[in-house]
Protein backbone atom coordinates (compact mmCIF):
# COMPACT_ATOMS: atom_id res chain seq x y z
CA MET A 1 122.29 96.86 73.91
CA ASN A 2 124.16 100.07 73.13
CA TYR A 3 124.65 103.52 74.65
CA LEU A 4 121.06 104.58 73.79
CA ASP A 5 119.57 101.74 75.84
CA TYR A 6 121.80 102.53 78.80
CA ILE A 7 120.89 106.23 78.62
CA ILE A 8 117.18 105.31 78.77
CA ILE A 9 117.72 103.01 81.76
CA VAL A 10 119.82 105.55 83.67
CA ALA A 11 117.35 108.39 82.93
CA TYR A 12 114.50 106.20 84.17
CA LEU A 13 116.27 105.40 87.43
CA ILE A 14 117.21 109.03 88.07
CA GLY A 15 113.63 110.03 87.36
CA PHE A 16 112.37 107.74 90.09
CA LEU A 17 114.74 109.28 92.59
CA GLY A 18 113.07 112.57 91.71
CA ILE A 19 109.60 111.16 92.44
CA GLY A 20 110.58 110.43 96.03
CA TYR A 21 111.93 113.94 96.45
CA PHE A 22 108.81 115.51 94.92
CA PHE A 23 106.51 113.78 97.43
CA LYS A 24 108.81 114.08 100.44
CA GLU A 25 106.41 116.26 102.46
CA ASN A 26 104.62 113.79 104.77
CA LYS A 27 103.40 115.11 108.10
CA SER A 28 101.30 112.26 109.53
CA SER A 29 100.38 108.59 109.20
CA GLY A 30 97.55 109.56 106.86
CA ASP A 31 100.07 111.31 104.60
CA TYR A 32 102.81 108.69 104.60
CA PHE A 33 100.71 105.52 104.36
CA LEU A 34 97.43 106.71 102.81
CA GLY A 35 98.55 109.65 100.66
CA GLY A 36 96.41 111.99 102.75
CA ARG A 37 93.34 110.08 101.54
CA SER A 38 93.43 112.34 98.50
CA MET A 39 94.03 109.83 95.69
CA GLY A 40 91.68 109.51 92.72
CA TRP A 41 90.39 106.27 91.24
CA LEU A 42 92.56 106.26 88.09
CA PRO A 43 96.03 106.40 89.72
CA LEU A 44 94.85 103.98 92.40
CA SER A 45 93.54 101.57 89.74
CA LEU A 46 96.77 101.70 87.75
CA SER A 47 98.80 101.28 90.94
CA THR A 48 96.76 98.25 91.95
CA MET A 49 97.20 96.62 88.55
CA ALA A 50 100.92 97.45 88.47
CA THR A 51 101.40 95.67 91.79
CA GLN A 52 99.39 92.70 90.55
CA LEU A 53 101.23 92.60 87.21
CA SER A 54 104.56 91.76 88.80
CA ALA A 55 107.78 90.96 87.00
CA ILE A 56 106.86 87.30 87.33
CA SER A 57 103.65 87.92 85.36
CA PHE A 58 105.41 89.93 82.66
CA ILE A 59 107.99 87.18 82.15
CA SER A 60 106.49 83.88 83.33
CA ALA A 61 102.84 84.19 82.33
CA PRO A 62 103.56 84.62 78.58
CA ALA A 63 106.07 81.76 78.86
CA PHE A 64 103.39 79.56 80.46
CA VAL A 65 100.89 80.43 77.73
CA GLY A 66 103.21 80.05 74.77
CA LEU A 67 105.82 77.52 75.77
CA LYS A 68 105.45 75.57 78.97
CA GLU A 69 104.08 72.04 78.96
CA GLY A 70 100.42 72.00 79.90
CA GLY A 71 100.17 75.78 79.40
CA GLY A 72 98.06 77.84 77.05
CA LEU A 73 95.15 80.24 77.42
CA GLN A 74 93.87 78.42 80.48
CA TRP A 75 95.93 81.09 82.28
CA LEU A 76 92.89 83.33 81.66
CA THR A 77 90.92 81.31 84.21
CA TYR A 78 92.87 83.11 86.92
CA GLU A 79 90.77 86.18 86.05
CA PHE A 80 87.31 84.62 86.19
CA GLY A 81 86.71 85.23 89.89
CA VAL A 82 87.86 88.87 89.90
CA PRO A 83 84.61 90.68 88.86
CA LEU A 84 82.54 88.68 91.36
CA ALA A 85 85.03 89.37 94.15
CA MET A 86 84.97 93.10 93.37
CA ALA A 87 81.17 93.13 93.58
CA PHE A 88 81.21 91.39 96.97
CA LEU A 89 83.87 93.71 98.40
CA LEU A 90 82.06 96.81 97.13
CA ILE A 91 78.83 95.91 98.91
CA ALA A 92 79.82 94.03 102.04
CA VAL A 93 83.40 94.65 103.17
CA ILE A 94 85.21 97.77 101.97
CA PRO A 95 82.66 100.43 103.04
CA THR A 96 83.01 99.39 106.68
CA LEU A 97 86.81 99.21 106.56
CA TYR A 98 87.07 102.59 104.85
CA LYS A 99 84.74 104.39 107.27
CA SER A 100 86.64 102.99 110.27
CA GLY A 101 89.57 105.30 109.45
CA ILE A 102 92.22 102.61 109.94
CA VAL A 103 95.69 102.51 108.37
CA SER A 104 96.45 98.81 108.88
CA VAL A 105 93.51 96.74 107.68
CA TYR A 106 94.19 94.25 110.49
CA GLU A 107 93.37 96.92 113.08
CA TYR A 108 89.69 96.29 112.39
CA LEU A 109 90.02 92.75 113.76
CA GLU A 110 91.21 94.09 117.11
CA ASN A 111 88.35 96.58 117.24
CA ARG A 112 85.86 93.77 116.65
CA PHE A 113 87.58 90.83 118.36
CA ASP A 114 90.85 91.34 120.25
CA ALA A 115 94.58 91.95 119.76
CA SER A 116 95.44 88.26 119.26
CA SER A 117 93.51 88.01 115.97
CA ARG A 118 95.09 91.19 114.66
CA LEU A 119 98.69 90.36 115.62
CA LEU A 120 98.57 86.77 114.37
CA ILE A 121 97.34 87.68 110.89
CA SER A 122 99.60 90.72 110.73
CA PHE A 123 102.66 88.60 111.53
CA VAL A 124 101.76 86.01 108.88
CA PHE A 125 101.36 88.79 106.31
CA GLN A 126 104.75 90.32 107.08
CA ILE A 127 106.69 87.07 106.80
CA SER A 128 104.96 85.65 103.72
CA ARG A 129 104.94 88.93 101.77
CA SER A 130 108.60 89.77 102.42
CA VAL A 131 109.73 86.28 101.36
CA ALA A 132 107.55 86.32 98.22
CA THR A 133 108.84 89.75 97.20
CA GLY A 134 112.44 88.68 97.79
CA VAL A 135 111.94 85.70 95.48
CA MET A 136 110.44 87.94 92.80
CA VAL A 137 113.44 90.31 92.91
CA TYR A 138 115.80 87.32 92.88
CA THR A 139 114.16 85.86 89.78
CA MET A 140 114.26 89.16 87.90
CA ALA A 141 117.93 89.65 88.81
CA LEU A 142 118.70 86.22 87.34
CA ILE A 143 116.85 87.06 84.15
CA LEU A 144 118.69 90.37 83.76
CA GLN A 145 122.02 88.68 84.43
CA ALA A 146 121.36 85.95 81.85
CA THR A 147 120.11 88.23 79.08
CA VAL A 148 121.63 91.67 79.59
CA GLY A 149 124.81 90.67 81.36
CA ILE A 150 124.25 92.79 84.47
CA ASP A 151 125.73 90.96 87.46
CA PHE A 152 123.16 89.36 89.74
CA TRP A 153 124.09 91.37 92.82
CA ILE A 154 124.24 94.63 90.86
CA SER A 155 120.72 94.04 89.51
CA ILE A 156 119.39 93.48 93.01
CA LEU A 157 121.13 96.57 94.33
CA ILE A 158 119.91 98.78 91.48
CA ILE A 159 116.30 97.64 91.83
CA GLY A 160 116.49 97.71 95.62
CA VAL A 161 118.31 100.98 96.26
CA ILE A 162 116.29 103.09 93.80
CA THR A 163 113.02 101.66 95.11
CA LEU A 164 113.98 102.16 98.75
CA VAL A 165 115.05 105.75 98.20
CA TYR A 166 111.82 106.93 96.57
CA SER A 167 109.65 104.83 98.93
CA PHE A 168 111.58 106.13 101.96
CA GLN A 169 111.12 109.75 100.95
CA GLY A 170 107.72 109.91 99.33
CA GLY A 171 105.60 107.31 101.10
CA MET A 172 102.33 106.16 99.56
CA LYS A 173 102.02 109.03 97.08
CA ALA A 174 105.44 108.22 95.61
CA VAL A 175 104.55 104.52 95.49
CA ILE A 176 101.22 105.12 93.74
CA TRP A 177 102.49 107.63 91.16
CA GLY A 178 105.57 105.50 90.60
CA ASP A 179 103.25 102.57 89.94
CA VAL A 180 101.26 104.66 87.46
CA ILE A 181 104.39 105.37 85.42
CA GLN A 182 105.51 101.74 85.67
CA MET A 183 102.07 100.46 84.62
CA VAL A 184 102.10 102.62 81.50
CA ILE A 185 105.62 101.39 80.63
CA LEU A 186 104.60 97.77 81.22
CA PHE A 187 101.51 98.01 79.05
CA PHE A 188 103.36 99.60 76.16
CA GLY A 189 106.12 97.04 76.62
CA ILE A 190 103.59 94.25 76.13
CA LEU A 191 102.19 95.94 73.03
CA ILE A 192 105.69 96.46 71.58
CA CYS A 193 106.57 92.77 72.05
CA LEU A 194 103.24 91.77 70.52
CA PHE A 195 103.70 94.04 67.48
CA TYR A 196 107.29 92.98 66.79
CA GLY A 197 106.47 89.32 67.38
CA ILE A 198 103.70 89.36 64.76
CA SER A 199 106.01 91.24 62.42
CA GLU A 200 108.73 88.58 62.80
CA LEU A 201 106.14 85.87 62.06
CA GLY A 202 105.25 87.58 58.79
CA GLY A 203 101.87 88.89 59.82
CA PHE A 204 98.81 87.94 61.81
CA GLU A 205 97.58 85.46 59.22
CA ASN A 206 100.80 83.47 59.49
CA PHE A 207 100.45 83.48 63.27
CA LEU A 208 96.92 82.05 63.00
CA THR A 209 98.20 79.37 60.59
CA ASN A 210 101.01 78.19 62.86
CA VAL A 211 99.74 78.71 66.42
CA ASP A 212 99.46 75.54 68.51
CA GLN A 213 95.73 74.78 68.59
CA ASP A 214 96.06 72.85 71.85
CA ARG A 215 97.02 76.09 73.61
CA LEU A 216 93.84 77.92 72.61
CA THR A 217 91.46 76.20 75.03
CA ALA A 218 90.79 78.49 77.98
CA VAL A 219 87.69 77.00 79.62
CA ASP A 220 87.33 73.38 80.71
CA PHE A 221 84.12 72.47 82.50
CA SER A 222 85.21 68.85 82.97
CA LYS A 223 88.03 69.56 85.44
CA TRP A 224 86.78 69.94 89.02
CA GLY A 225 90.17 70.01 90.72
CA PHE A 226 89.55 66.89 92.79
CA ASP A 227 91.91 64.63 90.83
CA ASN A 228 95.15 66.57 91.11
CA ALA A 229 97.35 63.82 92.58
CA ASP A 230 99.72 63.74 89.59
CA GLY A 231 100.89 67.25 90.48
CA LYS A 232 99.48 68.89 87.34
CA ASP A 233 97.29 71.79 88.35
CA GLU A 234 93.72 71.41 87.14
CA PHE A 235 92.68 74.80 85.83
CA GLY A 236 89.04 73.83 85.51
CA PHE A 237 86.17 76.30 85.37
CA TRP A 238 84.64 75.59 88.78
CA PRO A 239 87.76 75.63 91.00
CA MET A 240 89.03 78.77 89.25
CA VAL A 241 85.71 80.64 89.59
CA ILE A 242 84.75 79.54 93.10
CA GLY A 243 88.25 79.33 94.55
CA GLY A 244 89.21 82.49 92.65
CA PHE A 245 86.29 84.41 94.15
CA PHE A 246 87.50 83.70 97.69
CA LEU A 247 91.16 84.26 96.77
CA TYR A 248 90.60 87.68 95.17
CA ALA A 249 88.10 88.83 97.77
CA SER A 250 90.75 88.12 100.38
CA TYR A 251 93.64 89.52 98.33
CA TYR A 252 92.00 92.82 97.40
CA GLY A 253 90.02 93.27 100.61
CA THR A 254 92.25 91.95 103.39
CA ASP A 255 95.84 91.94 102.05
CA GLN A 256 97.51 95.16 103.17
CA THR A 257 99.34 95.69 99.86
CA GLN A 258 95.98 96.03 98.09
CA SER A 259 93.58 97.23 100.78
CA GLN A 260 95.93 100.11 101.62
CA ARG A 261 95.15 101.56 98.19
CA LEU A 262 91.43 101.35 98.87
CA LEU A 263 91.95 103.10 102.20
CA SER A 264 93.88 105.86 100.38
CA ALA A 265 90.87 106.85 98.27
CA LYS A 266 89.12 110.22 98.55
CA GLY A 267 85.81 108.62 99.46
CA MET A 268 83.34 105.87 98.64
CA PRO A 269 82.60 107.21 95.11
CA THR A 270 86.31 106.85 94.36
CA ILE A 271 86.38 103.34 95.84
CA LYS A 272 83.35 102.42 93.72
CA LYS A 273 85.20 103.46 90.56
CA LEU A 274 88.41 101.79 91.74
CA LEU A 275 86.80 98.40 92.38
CA LEU A 276 84.82 98.65 89.15
CA ALA A 277 88.03 99.42 87.23
CA ASN A 278 89.81 96.47 88.87
CA GLY A 279 86.97 94.19 87.89
CA LEU A 280 86.84 95.41 84.28
CA PHE A 281 90.44 96.18 83.27
CA ARG A 282 92.32 93.14 84.50
CA PHE A 283 90.95 90.68 81.96
CA PRO A 284 91.79 92.76 78.84
CA LEU A 285 95.30 93.32 80.18
CA THR A 286 95.78 89.63 80.93
CA LEU A 287 94.35 88.63 77.55
CA THR A 288 96.83 90.98 75.85
CA TYR A 289 99.92 89.48 77.46
CA CYS A 290 98.52 85.97 76.95
CA ILE A 291 98.23 86.65 73.20
CA MET A 292 101.78 88.02 73.34
CA GLY A 293 102.82 84.68 74.87
CA LEU A 294 101.10 82.77 72.06
CA VAL A 295 102.80 84.94 69.43
CA LEU A 296 106.30 84.58 70.90
CA GLY A 297 105.80 80.86 71.53
CA THR A 298 104.75 80.38 67.91
CA LEU A 299 107.75 82.40 66.71
CA LEU A 300 110.06 80.26 68.81
CA LEU A 301 108.78 77.06 67.18
CA GLN A 302 109.11 78.58 63.69
CA ASP A 303 112.46 80.34 64.09
CA LEU A 304 115.50 78.09 64.64
CA SER A 305 117.71 81.07 65.45
CA PHE A 306 115.36 82.03 68.30
CA GLN A 307 115.63 78.49 69.63
CA SER A 308 119.43 78.61 69.36
CA LEU A 309 119.59 81.89 71.27
CA MET A 310 117.36 80.45 74.01
CA ASP A 311 119.46 77.30 74.24
CA ALA A 312 122.75 79.21 74.33
CA THR A 313 121.52 81.59 77.04
CA TYR A 314 120.18 78.73 79.11
CA GLN A 315 123.28 76.57 78.78
CA THR A 316 125.51 79.48 79.77
CA ASN A 317 123.45 80.10 82.92
CA ILE A 318 122.06 76.63 83.61
CA GLU A 319 123.40 76.51 87.17
CA SER A 320 121.36 79.55 88.22
CA LEU A 321 118.44 79.17 85.79
CA GLU A 322 117.83 75.43 86.09
CA GLY A 323 114.18 74.72 85.38
CA LYS A 324 113.51 78.25 84.07
CA LYS A 325 114.34 77.91 80.41
CA ALA A 326 110.83 78.92 79.32
CA ASP A 327 111.09 82.12 81.37
CA LEU A 328 113.89 83.29 79.08
CA MET A 329 111.53 83.56 76.10
CA VAL A 330 110.45 87.18 76.59
CA PRO A 331 113.81 88.71 77.63
CA VAL A 332 115.76 86.81 74.91
CA PHE A 333 113.26 88.10 72.34
CA ILE A 334 113.65 91.66 73.65
CA ILE A 335 117.45 91.61 73.50
CA ASN A 336 117.78 89.96 70.08
CA TYR A 337 114.76 91.04 68.03
CA LEU A 338 114.03 94.63 69.00
CA PRO A 339 115.91 97.77 67.88
CA ASN A 340 118.16 99.74 70.22
CA GLY A 341 116.24 102.26 72.23
CA VAL A 342 113.23 99.97 72.29
CA ILE A 343 115.42 97.41 74.07
CA GLY A 344 116.14 99.97 76.76
CA ILE A 345 112.44 100.72 77.17
CA LEU A 346 111.63 97.00 77.53
CA ILE A 347 114.42 96.40 80.04
CA VAL A 348 112.96 99.34 81.94
CA ALA A 349 109.59 97.53 81.76
CA ILE A 350 111.08 94.46 83.43
CA MET A 351 112.70 96.61 86.11
CA SER A 352 109.43 98.56 86.50
CA ALA A 353 107.51 95.40 87.31
CA ALA A 354 110.03 94.43 89.97
CA MET A 355 110.22 97.92 91.47
CA SER A 356 106.44 98.28 91.58
CA SER A 357 106.00 95.07 93.56
CA LEU A 358 108.91 95.92 95.88
CA SER A 359 107.77 99.49 96.61
CA SER A 360 104.21 98.40 97.39
CA THR A 361 105.43 95.65 99.68
CA VAL A 362 107.86 97.90 101.53
CA ASN A 363 105.25 100.59 102.20
CA SER A 364 102.61 98.08 103.29
CA LEU A 365 104.97 96.16 105.58
CA SER A 366 106.04 99.42 107.15
CA ALA A 367 102.41 100.44 107.72
CA VAL A 368 101.52 97.13 109.34
CA SER A 369 104.61 97.11 111.57
CA MET A 370 104.01 100.69 112.65
CA GLU A 371 100.30 100.40 113.30
CA ASP A 372 100.08 96.86 114.65
CA PHE A 373 103.24 96.70 116.72
CA VAL A 374 105.16 99.96 117.31
CA LYS A 375 102.12 102.08 118.20
CA ARG A 376 101.08 99.44 120.70
CA PHE A 377 104.10 100.37 122.80
CA LYS A 378 104.33 104.06 121.81
CA PRO A 379 100.74 105.22 121.40
CA ASN A 380 101.41 108.91 121.98
CA MET A 381 104.31 109.61 119.62
CA SER A 382 104.24 112.87 117.69
CA ASP A 383 103.45 113.03 113.98
CA LYS A 384 107.07 113.92 113.21
CA SER A 385 108.33 110.92 115.17
CA TYR A 386 105.69 108.70 113.54
CA VAL A 387 106.75 109.63 110.01
CA MET A 388 110.45 109.21 110.79
CA ASN A 389 109.90 105.78 112.38
CA SER A 390 107.73 104.79 109.42
CA ARG A 391 110.51 105.71 107.02
CA LEU A 392 113.03 103.72 109.02
CA LEU A 393 110.69 100.72 108.98
CA SER A 394 110.29 100.99 105.22
CA LEU A 395 114.09 100.93 104.95
CA PHE A 396 114.23 97.93 107.30
CA TRP A 397 111.65 95.92 105.35
CA GLY A 398 113.30 96.81 102.08
CA LEU A 399 116.57 95.39 103.35
CA VAL A 400 114.74 92.27 104.57
CA CYS A 401 113.24 91.71 101.11
CA LEU A 402 116.64 92.21 99.48
CA PHE A 403 118.19 89.80 101.99
CA PHE A 404 115.69 87.13 100.92
CA ALA A 405 116.47 88.01 97.29
CA PHE A 406 120.19 87.37 97.79
CA PHE A 407 119.66 84.02 99.49
CA ALA A 408 116.56 82.75 97.67
CA GLY A 409 118.72 80.58 95.41
CA ASN A 410 119.01 77.94 98.12
CA ILE A 411 115.26 77.30 98.11
CA GLU A 412 113.98 78.92 94.93
CA GLY A 413 113.49 75.70 92.96
CA THR A 414 110.07 75.18 94.50
CA VAL A 415 109.48 78.36 96.43
CA ILE A 416 107.23 80.15 93.91
CA GLU A 417 104.85 77.19 93.91
CA VAL A 418 105.13 76.96 97.70
CA ILE A 419 104.34 80.65 98.19
CA ASN A 420 101.23 80.34 95.99
CA LYS A 421 100.08 77.46 98.15
CA VAL A 422 100.98 79.21 101.41
CA SER A 423 98.85 82.17 100.31
CA SER A 424 95.93 79.86 99.62
CA VAL A 425 96.35 78.22 103.03
CA PHE A 426 95.80 81.58 104.73
CA TYR A 427 93.70 83.68 102.35
CA GLY A 428 90.43 81.85 103.00
CA PRO A 429 90.61 81.92 106.81
CA ILE A 430 91.75 85.57 106.78
CA LEU A 431 88.80 86.55 104.58
CA ALA A 432 86.54 84.59 106.93
CA ALA A 433 87.85 86.61 109.90
CA PHE A 434 86.73 89.85 108.23
CA ILE A 435 83.40 88.36 107.15
CA LEU A 436 82.76 87.30 110.74
CA ALA A 437 83.85 90.69 112.07
CA ILE A 438 81.69 92.72 109.68
CA LEU A 439 78.70 90.53 108.83
CA THR A 440 78.01 88.76 112.16
CA LYS A 441 77.19 90.20 115.57
CA LYS A 442 77.38 87.25 117.97
CA THR A 443 80.79 85.86 116.97
CA HIS A 444 83.29 86.55 119.76
CA ALA A 445 87.09 86.59 119.73
CA LEU A 446 87.50 83.01 121.01
CA GLY A 447 85.16 81.64 118.36
CA ALA A 448 86.88 83.63 115.63
CA ASN A 449 90.38 82.54 116.68
CA ILE A 450 89.41 78.87 116.93
CA GLY A 451 87.77 79.16 113.51
CA ILE A 452 90.87 80.77 111.96
CA VAL A 453 93.20 78.14 113.41
CA SER A 454 90.84 75.34 112.31
CA GLY A 455 90.67 76.69 108.76
CA VAL A 456 94.43 77.05 108.48
CA LEU A 457 95.16 73.62 109.97
CA PHE A 458 92.63 71.94 107.70
CA ASN A 459 94.14 73.59 104.64
CA MET A 460 97.59 72.42 105.74
CA TYR A 461 96.17 68.92 106.13
CA LEU A 462 94.84 69.09 102.56
CA TRP A 463 98.27 70.25 101.36
CA LEU A 464 100.16 67.45 103.10
CA TYR A 465 97.76 64.53 102.84
CA VAL A 466 95.14 65.22 100.17
CA PRO A 467 97.07 66.24 97.05
CA GLU A 468 94.08 65.27 94.89
CA ILE A 469 92.39 68.59 95.79
CA PHE A 470 93.70 71.45 93.65
CA TRP A 471 95.12 74.22 95.85
CA PHE A 472 92.77 76.87 94.43
CA TRP A 473 89.95 75.12 96.33
CA TRP A 474 91.73 75.77 99.64
CA ASN A 475 90.67 79.43 99.50
CA ALA A 476 86.98 78.48 99.52
CA ILE A 477 87.31 75.52 101.88
CA GLY A 478 89.36 77.43 104.44
CA CYS A 479 86.95 80.37 104.43
CA LEU A 480 83.78 78.33 104.76
CA LEU A 481 85.23 76.05 107.44
CA THR A 482 86.47 79.03 109.46
CA VAL A 483 83.06 80.69 109.38
CA ALA A 484 81.27 77.47 110.33
CA VAL A 485 83.59 76.64 113.25
CA ALA A 486 83.53 80.23 114.55
CA LEU A 487 79.74 80.35 114.54
CA VAL A 488 79.41 76.96 116.24
CA VAL A 489 81.96 77.80 118.96
CA SER A 490 80.40 81.22 119.57
CA ASN A 491 77.00 79.58 120.05
CA LEU A 492 78.28 76.80 122.30
CA ILE A 493 80.57 78.97 124.44
CA LYS A 494 78.62 82.01 125.54
CA LYS A 495 80.77 85.13 125.74
CA LYS A 496 80.04 88.77 125.13
CA ALA A 497 81.07 89.84 121.67
CA ASN A 498 82.53 93.27 120.97
CA GLU A 499 80.28 95.34 118.77
CA GLY A 500 83.25 96.88 116.97
CA LEU A 501 82.76 99.87 114.72
CA GLU A 502 79.70 100.79 112.69
CA VAL A 503 78.96 98.39 109.85
CA VAL A 504 78.32 100.11 106.53
CA PHE A 505 76.78 98.58 103.42
CA TYR A 506 76.97 100.21 100.02
CA SER A 507 74.03 100.10 97.65
CA GLY A 508 75.87 99.46 94.43
CA LYS A 509 73.25 97.66 92.33
CA LYS A 510 74.41 99.30 89.11
CA GLU A 511 78.04 98.33 89.69
CA VAL A 512 77.10 94.77 90.68
CA VAL A 513 75.04 94.34 87.50
CA ILE A 514 77.97 95.63 85.41
CA LEU A 515 80.47 93.33 87.13
CA VAL A 516 78.26 90.23 86.92
CA GLY A 517 77.52 91.02 83.29
CA PHE A 518 81.23 91.41 82.61
CA PHE A 519 81.89 88.06 84.31
CA ILE A 520 79.46 86.39 81.89
CA MET A 521 81.04 88.24 78.96
CA ILE A 522 84.62 87.14 79.72
CA ILE A 523 83.45 83.54 80.01
CA LEU A 524 81.83 83.77 76.58
CA ILE A 525 84.93 85.45 75.12
CA SER A 526 87.17 82.75 76.60
CA LEU A 527 84.94 80.00 75.22
CA SER A 528 85.07 81.54 71.75
CA LEU A 529 88.86 81.99 71.58
CA PRO A 530 89.60 78.61 69.88
CA SER A 531 87.25 79.46 67.01
CA MET A 532 88.53 83.04 66.82
CA PHE A 533 92.16 81.88 66.40
CA SER A 534 91.49 78.86 64.20
């Protein structure tokens, strides 16, 4: 890196401080947390994808595809359930949540059941999301320290302080437009790495000649995810489609970091376009960075100097990066193979991914804390007081995430895997709670709560005592068990059920046909990849 790279990085950081100032006028909860419900589908779509494409994805996913043992294009199976989940949410869940006028998505559970359901799920969200975000920032700080030489604590402070300032000032509008800029930088960063990687290999033909053929298989119909006892995740077709459907329906529909964007839309036509864009754009983006991973992994095997640089970087930082050697592939390539100026842009891309995830988390945690807890004790506060308290909460949650980032090293060896599993323990039952609230009339609060607890406990039992079942299945199992138990309890124990708010269904036949058709298309594309690259 030279002065040009540092100028680019500094200009980028200063620019983001300006975004917060530009959107500082927030007069109510609808302004600060929902952007005044004035956001269009394109910025919301880019913001959603930027949050999903975290720094971990930008660094670790290409490393998994191109380098890690047991990796390859099977990473694409993570995307199979997305179009189907978007179709389900568009028709059955989001219209009701949007029309209810809520800020915290968990408020709907109280309207339909009671406060206990809302507060329990809200609390779980706050703890799990703040820890996960802290680990993400920690990992990116380690990568920047190992490759760029920026001290670990300085990296955390730079990412954290800049993000907190523009999130504190600008609220949801600053977060969304910041995400838009970061998404554009990330996408071009992926394309730049892909272009230079192919160039270093001597052209696309040479890449096709030398790529590891074992890494080209994306779809495996033989793996059902019921023989996972050896600890190697079974990315088979059926667990990734079925489990993925429940996971993404829960993530996009009931996780505050994502559903808050849906609630920020101008209206249902905007939400229709947003969900359609999420269902259609994610796979091409993922395929692009997977191919980048294949290209860089192939270059690493062909280029001894690349291997030496990886080894030297890892050995120098082995105490902090133990077990993460593969994750150095992308940043080591950026620092050593790209020209100055481009290096600065790509370092900005890494920082963008981290800042996007952190800003979204901070705003969502603040919204949930304010709506689910503070307003319960201060229901009549003025708009001015509401916005100020919301800003203070965003600052508080930002500091909590950074606290976890500073101390994640004590547990980080397994925490990313653990957090993925923790999410799958809860995502299914949480989705079931909203399905019961929206799509059933006779389920009462007691039945719903017993169902949620039963689903979570059973998933924990599978985690601890049935390792043969791949954790992606927990999303489906937990959801279905929760619904079944809730319905049985509600029929056996007769209690009056709250009617809740009006249930709205959206007639989106055209969108459903497009999404289902796209699901079939990405399966066919994934099946054809080995022959396309051979």
